[in-house]
Protein backbone atom coordinates (compact mmCIF):
# COMPACT_ATOMS: atom_id res chain seq x y z
CA MET A 1 149.63 303.53 55.76
CA PRO A 2 146.02 304.20 55.10
CA GLN A 3 144.10 306.93 56.78
CA PRO A 4 143.27 305.77 60.71
CA ILE A 5 139.57 304.55 61.19
CA VAL A 6 137.76 307.02 63.20
CA GLY A 7 135.08 304.82 64.34
CA LEU A 8 131.99 302.44 63.73
CA HIS A 9 129.96 302.73 60.37
CA HIS A 10 127.48 300.09 61.40
CA VAL A 11 126.49 297.26 63.47
CA THR A 12 124.18 294.35 62.16
CA ALA A 13 122.42 292.30 64.29
CA ILE A 14 119.88 289.37 63.87
CA THR A 15 115.81 289.65 64.79
CA SER A 16 113.18 287.28 64.44
CA ASP A 17 110.26 289.30 64.31
CA PRO A 18 110.47 292.26 62.12
CA GLN A 19 107.36 294.14 63.33
CA ARG A 20 108.55 294.08 66.89
CA ASN A 21 112.02 294.97 66.03
CA LEU A 22 110.55 297.94 64.10
CA ASP A 23 108.12 298.91 66.87
CA PHE A 24 111.34 298.83 69.58
CA PHE A 25 114.09 300.70 67.73
CA CYS A 26 111.74 303.07 66.12
CA GLU A 27 109.20 303.89 68.82
CA VAL A 28 111.25 302.96 72.21
CA LEU A 29 114.56 303.88 71.31
CA GLY A 30 113.45 306.94 68.77
CA LEU A 31 115.54 305.91 65.89
CA ARG A 32 114.48 306.37 62.47
CA LEU A 33 113.94 303.52 59.93
CA VAL A 34 116.22 305.11 57.02
CA LYS A 35 115.79 302.16 54.45
CA ARG A 36 113.93 299.04 54.22
CA THR A 37 115.53 296.77 51.92
CA VAL A 38 116.14 292.78 51.88
CA ASN A 39 119.38 291.10 52.77
CA PHE A 40 121.21 290.76 49.39
CA ASP A 41 122.77 287.41 50.19
CA ASP A 42 119.00 286.13 51.47
CA PRO A 43 116.62 288.23 49.52
CA GLY A 44 113.50 286.40 50.83
CA SER A 45 114.05 288.54 54.27
CA TYR A 46 114.17 291.92 55.25
CA HIS A 47 117.27 293.91 55.91
CA PHE A 48 116.53 297.28 58.20
CA TYR A 49 118.71 300.16 58.95
CA PHE A 50 117.80 302.45 61.52
CA GLY A 51 119.78 305.79 62.40
CA ASP A 52 119.79 309.27 62.76
CA ASP A 53 117.29 311.41 60.62
CA ILE A 54 119.86 310.91 57.35
CA GLY A 55 121.37 307.71 58.49
CA SER A 56 124.77 309.18 59.51
CA PRO A 57 127.57 306.91 59.49
CA GLY A 58 128.41 305.88 63.26
CA SER A 59 124.63 306.19 63.83
CA ILE A 60 123.56 303.46 61.75
CA MET A 61 122.18 299.78 63.64
CA THR A 62 121.05 297.54 61.06
CA PHE A 63 119.15 294.22 61.51
CA PHE A 64 118.53 290.75 59.40
CA ALA A 65 115.00 289.76 59.94
CA TRP A 66 114.84 285.91 60.11
CA PRO A 67 111.39 285.28 61.46
CA LEU A 68 112.37 281.52 61.89
CA ALA A 69 115.65 282.40 63.59
CA SER A 70 116.02 280.62 67.24
CA ARG A 71 117.73 282.46 69.89
CA GLY A 72 121.45 282.66 69.61
CA ARG A 73 123.94 282.01 72.27
CA LEU A 74 126.44 284.64 73.42
CA GLY A 75 129.93 283.60 73.71
CA ALA A 76 133.55 284.30 72.95
CA GLY A 77 134.27 285.68 69.57
CA GLU A 78 131.14 287.67 69.46
CA THR A 79 130.35 291.31 69.96
CA SER A 80 128.30 291.26 73.03
CA ALA A 81 127.04 294.58 73.87
CA VAL A 82 125.99 297.54 71.59
CA ALA A 83 126.34 301.08 73.34
CA PHE A 84 124.37 304.34 71.93
CA SER A 85 125.32 307.74 73.58
CA VAL A 86 123.12 309.95 75.34
CA PRO A 87 124.00 312.96 77.07
CA ALA A 88 124.49 312.43 81.01
CA SER A 89 121.79 314.21 82.13
CA SER A 90 119.33 312.13 80.22
CA LEU A 91 119.84 309.02 81.70
CA HIS A 92 116.93 309.36 84.04
CA PHE A 93 114.87 310.28 81.04
CA TRP A 94 116.00 307.09 79.16
CA GLU A 95 115.44 305.02 82.46
CA GLN A 96 111.41 306.06 82.67
CA ARG A 97 110.75 305.80 79.08
CA PHE A 98 112.18 302.24 79.32
CA LEU A 99 110.05 301.23 82.14
CA ALA A 100 106.87 303.16 80.81
CA ALA A 101 107.44 300.57 77.67
CA GLY A 102 107.82 297.63 79.65
CA SER A 103 111.73 297.50 79.06
CA PRO A 104 113.40 295.90 82.20
CA VAL A 105 116.74 298.40 82.85
CA GLU A 106 119.54 298.29 85.04
CA HIS A 107 121.94 300.66 86.30
CA VAL A 108 125.50 299.42 86.19
CA GLY A 109 127.29 301.86 87.42
CA GLU A 110 130.30 303.86 86.18
CA ARG A 111 132.65 302.58 83.32
CA PHE A 112 135.63 304.61 82.53
CA GLY A 113 133.99 307.76 84.29
CA ASN A 114 130.97 307.20 82.56
CA SER A 115 127.07 306.08 83.90
CA VAL A 116 125.66 303.21 82.06
CA LEU A 117 121.87 302.02 81.80
CA SER A 118 121.53 298.39 80.55
CA LEU A 119 118.98 296.38 78.58
CA ASN A 120 117.77 293.93 76.03
CA ASP A 121 115.94 294.39 72.92
CA PRO A 122 113.02 292.06 72.24
CA ASP A 123 115.55 289.49 70.81
CA GLY A 124 117.64 289.69 74.04
CA MET A 125 120.40 291.72 72.16
CA HIS A 126 122.42 293.45 75.01
CA ILE A 127 121.81 297.49 74.67
CA GLU A 128 124.06 300.02 76.74
CA LEU A 129 123.11 303.87 77.02
CA VAL A 130 126.20 305.73 77.82
CA GLY A 131 126.03 309.05 79.51
CA SER A 132 128.56 311.39 78.13
CA ASP A 133 129.04 315.01 79.51
CA ASN A 134 130.27 316.33 76.26
CA PRO A 135 127.54 314.67 73.56
CA LEU A 136 128.08 315.09 70.18
CA SER A 137 125.58 316.96 68.04
CA VAL A 138 122.68 314.78 66.58
CA VAL A 139 120.52 315.16 63.32
CA THR A 140 117.05 314.03 65.31
CA PRO A 141 114.91 312.09 63.43
CA ARG A 142 112.11 313.86 62.51
CA THR A 143 109.52 310.74 63.15
CA ILE A 144 110.05 310.58 67.04
CA ASP A 145 108.58 312.21 70.06
CA ILE A 146 111.68 312.57 72.04
CA PRO A 147 113.38 315.98 72.75
CA ALA A 148 116.02 316.47 70.57
CA GLU A 149 118.27 317.08 73.85
CA HIS A 150 117.50 313.68 75.12
CA ALA A 151 117.53 311.99 71.69
CA ILE A 152 120.39 309.23 71.02
CA ARG A 153 123.32 310.79 69.27
CA GLY A 154 124.67 307.52 67.73
CA PHE A 155 127.29 304.77 68.98
CA ASP A 156 129.21 304.99 71.73
CA GLY A 157 130.82 301.62 70.86
CA VAL A 158 130.68 298.14 71.17
CA THR A 159 131.97 295.51 73.31
CA LEU A 160 133.66 292.11 72.05
CA CYS A 161 133.65 289.26 74.12
CA GLU A 162 136.89 287.57 73.60
CA ALA A 163 138.87 284.34 75.16
CA GLY A 164 141.99 286.74 75.43
CA PHE A 165 142.74 290.00 73.98
CA GLU A 166 146.61 289.66 72.70
CA LEU A 167 145.55 288.61 69.06
CA THR A 168 142.79 291.22 68.55
CA ALA A 169 144.64 294.15 70.26
CA PRO A 170 147.13 294.28 67.41
CA VAL A 171 144.33 294.21 64.88
CA LEU A 172 142.68 297.41 66.63
CA GLU A 173 145.97 299.20 67.10
CA ASN A 174 146.70 298.90 63.30
CA MET A 175 143.13 300.26 62.76
CA GLY A 176 144.32 303.77 64.55
CA PHE A 177 142.34 302.33 68.06
CA ALA A 178 144.92 303.20 71.09
CA ARG A 179 144.80 301.12 74.35
CA VAL A 180 143.42 303.33 76.79
CA GLY A 181 142.63 301.56 80.07
CA GLN A 182 141.71 298.48 81.85
CA GLU A 183 138.74 297.99 84.35
CA ASN A 184 139.24 294.77 85.69
CA ASN A 185 138.69 292.07 82.63
CA ARG A 186 137.54 295.17 80.28
CA ILE A 187 140.22 296.56 78.33
CA ARG A 188 139.52 299.90 76.23
CA PHE A 189 140.61 300.86 72.74
CA VAL A 190 139.57 304.23 71.56
CA SER A 191 140.22 306.41 68.01
CA PRO A 192 141.53 309.69 68.69
CA ALA A 193 139.04 311.15 66.57
CA SER A 194 136.04 313.06 68.09
CA ALA A 195 133.45 310.64 66.28
CA LEU A 196 130.44 308.57 67.04
CA GLY A 197 131.30 304.64 67.91
CA ASN A 198 134.97 305.85 68.23
CA ARG A 199 135.11 303.02 71.41
CA ILE A 200 136.02 299.60 71.48
CA ASP A 201 135.98 297.61 74.51
CA ILE A 202 137.28 293.86 74.76
CA LEU A 203 135.83 291.79 77.62
CA VAL A 204 138.15 289.02 78.23
CA GLN A 205 136.02 285.86 79.13
CA PRO A 206 138.25 282.54 78.90
CA GLN A 207 135.56 280.57 80.78
CA LEU A 208 133.00 280.90 77.81
CA VAL A 209 132.34 278.44 74.89
CA HIS A 210 131.87 279.88 71.28
CA GLY A 211 128.95 281.64 70.99
CA ARG A 212 125.97 280.73 68.31
CA THR A 213 124.64 283.01 65.94
CA GLY A 214 120.82 283.48 66.41
CA ALA A 215 118.17 285.94 67.08
CA GLY A 216 119.36 288.43 69.55
CA THR A 217 123.16 288.51 68.76
CA VAL A 218 125.29 290.73 66.42
CA HIS A 219 126.44 289.60 63.06
CA HIS A 220 129.09 291.78 62.42
CA ILE A 221 130.50 295.29 63.22
CA ALA A 222 131.47 297.83 60.51
CA PHE A 223 134.04 300.33 60.93
CA ARG A 224 134.18 303.64 58.64
CA ALA A 225 136.45 304.17 55.54
CA PRO A 226 135.85 307.72 53.81
CA SER A 227 136.10 306.83 50.26
CA ASP A 228 136.83 303.75 48.01
CA ASP A 229 140.56 304.74 47.65
CA SER A 230 140.78 304.61 51.38
CA GLN A 231 138.72 301.08 51.57
CA LEU A 232 141.29 299.43 48.94
CA GLU A 233 144.28 300.76 50.73
CA TRP A 234 142.88 299.31 54.13
CA ARG A 235 142.55 296.07 51.98
CA GLU A 236 145.71 295.75 50.62
CA MET A 237 147.19 296.30 54.15
CA LEU A 238 144.98 293.90 56.11
CA SER A 239 145.67 291.41 53.16
CA LYS A 240 149.38 291.62 54.44
CA VAL A 241 148.65 290.78 58.16
CA PRO A 242 147.56 288.35 56.77
CA LEU A 243 143.76 288.58 57.24
CA ASN A 244 141.66 286.57 54.79
CA VAL A 245 139.82 290.01 53.47
CA THR A 246 136.96 289.69 50.93
CA PRO A 247 136.65 291.49 47.43
CA VAL A 248 134.81 294.55 47.61
CA LEU A 249 131.27 293.97 47.35
CA ASP A 250 128.77 296.62 46.49
CA ARG A 251 126.01 297.35 49.21
CA THR A 252 124.31 299.93 47.38
CA TYR A 253 124.26 302.35 49.97
CA PHE A 254 128.16 301.86 50.69
CA HIS A 255 131.05 299.39 49.54
CA SER A 256 132.22 296.65 51.76
CA ILE A 257 135.19 294.48 52.62
CA TYR A 258 135.00 291.99 55.40
CA PHE A 259 137.31 289.85 57.19
CA ARG A 260 137.36 287.67 60.61
CA GLU A 261 139.72 288.99 63.44
CA PRO A 262 141.75 286.29 65.22
CA GLY A 263 139.51 286.24 68.10
CA GLY A 264 136.31 285.45 65.88
CA VAL A 265 134.51 288.66 65.64
CA LEU A 266 133.48 289.23 61.65
CA PHE A 267 135.11 292.96 61.07
CA GLU A 268 133.99 295.13 57.91
CA ILE A 269 134.89 297.97 56.87
CA ALA A 270 132.14 300.09 54.67
CA THR A 271 132.38 303.37 52.74
CA ASP A 272 130.84 306.59 53.91
CA PRO A 273 129.36 307.21 50.43
CA PRO A 274 127.05 307.03 48.74
CA GLY A 275 124.74 306.94 51.65
CA PHE A 276 120.79 306.28 52.25
CA ALA A 277 119.72 309.27 49.94
CA PHE A 278 120.98 307.10 47.03
CA ASP A 279 117.54 305.93 46.17
CA GLU A 280 115.14 307.86 47.70
CA PRO A 281 114.52 311.44 49.28
CA ILE A 282 115.56 312.05 52.68
CA GLU A 283 111.84 313.04 53.27
CA HIS A 284 110.82 309.72 52.77
CA LEU A 285 113.65 307.46 54.07
CA GLY A 286 112.46 303.98 54.84
CA GLU A 287 109.12 304.32 53.70
CA ALA A 288 109.16 302.17 50.49
CA LEU A 289 111.03 298.67 49.81
CA LYS A 290 113.91 299.47 48.05
CA LEU A 291 116.04 296.55 45.84
CA PRO A 292 119.18 296.74 43.99
CA ALA A 293 119.03 296.91 40.44
CA TRP A 294 119.97 293.25 39.99
CA LEU A 295 116.87 292.12 42.06
CA GLU A 296 114.41 294.31 40.24
CA LYS A 297 113.43 291.54 38.30
CA SER A 298 112.48 289.60 41.01
CA ARG A 299 110.42 292.47 43.13
CA SER A 300 106.85 290.87 42.88
CA ASP A 301 108.13 287.34 43.97
CA ILE A 302 109.96 289.18 46.84
CA GLU A 303 107.19 291.05 47.90
CA GLN A 304 104.78 288.00 48.23
CA ILE A 305 107.46 286.23 50.46
CA LEU A 306 108.31 289.30 53.02
CA PRO A 307 105.88 289.46 55.79
CA PRO A 308 103.68 292.63 56.04
CA ILE A 309 104.96 295.30 58.05
CA GLU A 310 103.81 298.70 59.15
CA LEU A 311 106.04 301.73 60.19
CA PRO A 312 104.88 302.81 63.77
CA TYR A 313 105.24 306.63 62.97
CA LEU A 314 102.68 306.10 59.77
CA ARG A 315 100.50 303.90 61.79
CA LYS A 316 100.33 306.82 64.31
CA GLU A 317 99.65 309.27 61.48
CA GLN A 318 97.00 307.38 59.75
CA ALA A 319 95.45 306.74 63.31
CA ASP A 320 95.33 310.57 64.26
CA ALA A 321 94.06 311.45 60.74
């Protein structure tokens, strides 16, 4: 039996405007751009990785930047919300920050004992901030103006929108997530580990049709494997379920396997190593376009295709100089 999954590694969504996406996640949410690369399956488009100061697993929100992408439609078989963890005492700070940035925010009350703020990113992706009485420590991004005591810790978890839960639940349980409670049509699964992103909610909405992938939707969610050996053990076990698991794919900063759970959500298991300092020093993460070795020969062509962008904190430094 493989070592149980402790939580999320990253979540990947779709944006239609790379600069607007950078501005929101860096300047409003206060995350650090820890890697600027391209979609390995579509090298003419950006792939951004945001996280804490070093891109710790469990803090990483990533985006495929497709400027021509139409707005997606939320439905069954999709991740309907991404939740970040903040101290409960910081929720008022965040509410004021969002309002000052022109982002409408809503109190949705308490959920399983924790207060929740809700808002949308500029593409319409549903984001939640969950107040924790015992927040995990954070490696505060050096690029933000948010006091460390208020900074986002990383993921609290995600919500899967499903037509039912009977088929998805066994997959989560096999991965080490235990069913711990239910509020109306929301069923919660939690990893026993004290780790970022250790909560998966299933929101049962049988009345919904299947969603449509596009800007503002989540493409896939990724769970953590501590090593390549552990990932291979998971691949072998999941293949016996049976689930149609991909071969191991090299994503430079981690290795990945993918499969679609029975409810329709695309799952990934990604390794913790080698991490985002693999090809640039921590002090300069995200400042340069990084390409895998097999794409370096096409760098000049790729750079001509990609739209120009500015990193918000470098832009501010230049303005203050």
